[in-house]
Protein backbone atom coordinates (compact mmCIF):
# COMPACT_ATOMS: atom_id res chain seq x y z
CA MET A 1 -10.81 12.09 11.87
CA ASN A 2 -10.04 14.20 8.84
CA GLY A 3 -8.03 12.33 6.26
CA TYR A 4 -8.63 8.84 7.75
CA PHE A 5 -10.52 6.09 6.00
CA VAL A 6 -11.00 2.29 6.14
CA ALA A 7 -9.49 0.02 3.49
CA ARG A 8 -10.18 -3.67 2.94
CA VAL A 9 -7.36 -6.05 1.95
CA LYS A 10 -8.21 -8.00 -1.22
CA GLY A 11 -6.20 -11.06 -2.09
CA PRO A 12 -3.12 -12.78 -0.61
CA SER A 13 -0.36 -10.37 -1.62
CA MET A 14 0.25 -8.94 1.88
CA MET A 15 0.25 -12.27 3.74
CA PRO A 16 1.43 -13.06 6.35
CA THR A 17 1.15 -9.45 7.61
CA TRP A 18 -2.49 -9.01 6.54
CA HIS A 19 -5.06 -11.38 5.11
CA ASP A 20 -7.79 -11.12 2.53
CA GLY A 21 -10.73 -9.30 4.14
CA ASP A 22 -8.78 -7.55 6.92
CA LEU A 23 -9.91 -3.96 7.56
CA LEU A 24 -7.14 -1.37 7.85
CA LEU A 25 -7.16 2.22 9.04
CA ALA A 26 -5.39 4.47 6.51
CA ARG A 27 -4.46 8.18 6.59
CA ARG A 28 -4.32 10.22 3.40
CA LEU A 29 -0.95 11.81 2.73
CA GLN A 30 -0.88 15.56 3.06
CA GLN A 31 0.80 17.74 0.45
CA GLY A 32 4.59 17.39 0.78
CA GLU A 33 4.34 14.34 3.09
CA THR A 34 6.35 11.32 1.99
CA ILE A 35 6.35 7.59 2.55
CA THR A 36 9.49 6.04 4.02
CA GLN A 37 11.07 2.66 3.37
CA GLY A 38 9.18 -0.07 5.17
CA ASP A 39 5.86 1.80 5.36
CA VAL A 40 2.79 0.02 4.09
CA CYS A 41 0.81 2.33 1.87
CA ILE A 42 -2.11 2.59 -0.48
CA ALA A 43 -0.88 3.61 -3.91
CA ARG A 44 -1.73 3.86 -7.58
CA PHE A 45 0.31 2.46 -10.42
CA PRO A 46 0.28 4.37 -13.72
CA ASP A 47 -1.91 2.64 -16.30
CA VAL A 48 -3.40 0.20 -13.72
CA GLU A 49 -6.99 0.57 -12.61
CA GLY A 50 -7.63 0.71 -8.87
CA LEU A 51 -5.49 1.06 -5.78
CA VAL A 52 -3.09 -1.36 -4.14
CA ILE A 53 -1.84 -2.00 -0.60
CA LYS A 54 1.92 -2.72 -0.65
CA ARG A 55 5.12 -2.14 1.30
CA ALA A 56 7.49 0.70 0.26
CA MET A 57 10.99 -0.52 -0.54
CA THR A 58 12.55 2.42 -2.35
CA VAL A 59 11.37 6.03 -2.36
CA LEU A 60 12.54 8.31 -5.18
CA PRO A 61 10.85 11.73 -4.91
CA LYS A 62 10.75 12.41 -8.65
CA ARG A 63 9.82 8.85 -9.74
CA GLY A 64 7.54 7.60 -6.96
CA VAL A 65 7.77 4.56 -4.68
CA PHE A 66 8.96 1.06 -5.52
CA LEU A 67 6.45 -1.28 -3.84
CA LEU A 68 6.61 -4.96 -3.01
CA SER A 69 4.06 -7.47 -1.76
CA ASP A 70 4.84 -9.12 1.58
CA SER A 71 4.09 -12.51 0.01
CA HIS A 72 6.98 -13.69 -2.13
CA LEU A 73 4.51 -15.62 -4.30
CA CYS A 74 2.74 -12.46 -5.52
CA THR A 75 4.40 -10.28 -8.13
CA ASP A 76 1.62 -7.80 -8.89
CA ASP A 77 3.79 -5.01 -7.54
CA SER A 78 6.54 -2.69 -8.78
CA ARG A 79 8.40 -5.62 -10.31
CA ARG A 80 5.54 -5.80 -12.82
CA PHE A 81 4.11 -2.26 -12.92
CA GLY A 82 7.03 0.06 -12.03
CA PHE A 83 7.03 2.94 -9.59
CA ALA A 84 3.74 3.99 -7.91
CA THR A 85 2.26 7.13 -6.48
CA PRO A 86 1.41 6.79 -2.74
CA ILE A 87 -2.03 8.00 -1.68
CA ALA A 88 -2.19 7.02 2.02
CA ARG A 89 -0.20 5.35 4.82
CA ILE A 90 -1.62 2.38 6.72
CA VAL A 91 -1.93 3.19 10.41
CA THR A 92 -3.20 -0.07 11.89
CA ARG A 93 -5.43 -3.10 11.38
CA LEU A 94 -8.95 -2.52 12.69
CA TRP A 95 -10.33 -6.02 12.19
CA ARG A 96 -8.76 -9.34 11.32
CA SER A 97 -10.78 -11.51 8.93
CA ARG A 98 -9.65 -14.79 10.50
């Protein structure tokens, strides 16, 4: 399973799709591979520590990906931090926390 790893959802930002504590299977992006609109990905915002799980809304190859939370109540996404660099694509949920 080269390139696959398990990620845990932290916080409510992706509700109702996924919940805090859910385990997701992710696949690292290969060189030249892109995210498309609607994909849920793991990404890194410049100047922000750690990784996030968000939904891709706009993909601009030279700028990165504009990401939004599924929960309209959470704004810790591209509206606050700008474009992000995608690291991996979410494949499926492995375990639901509730």
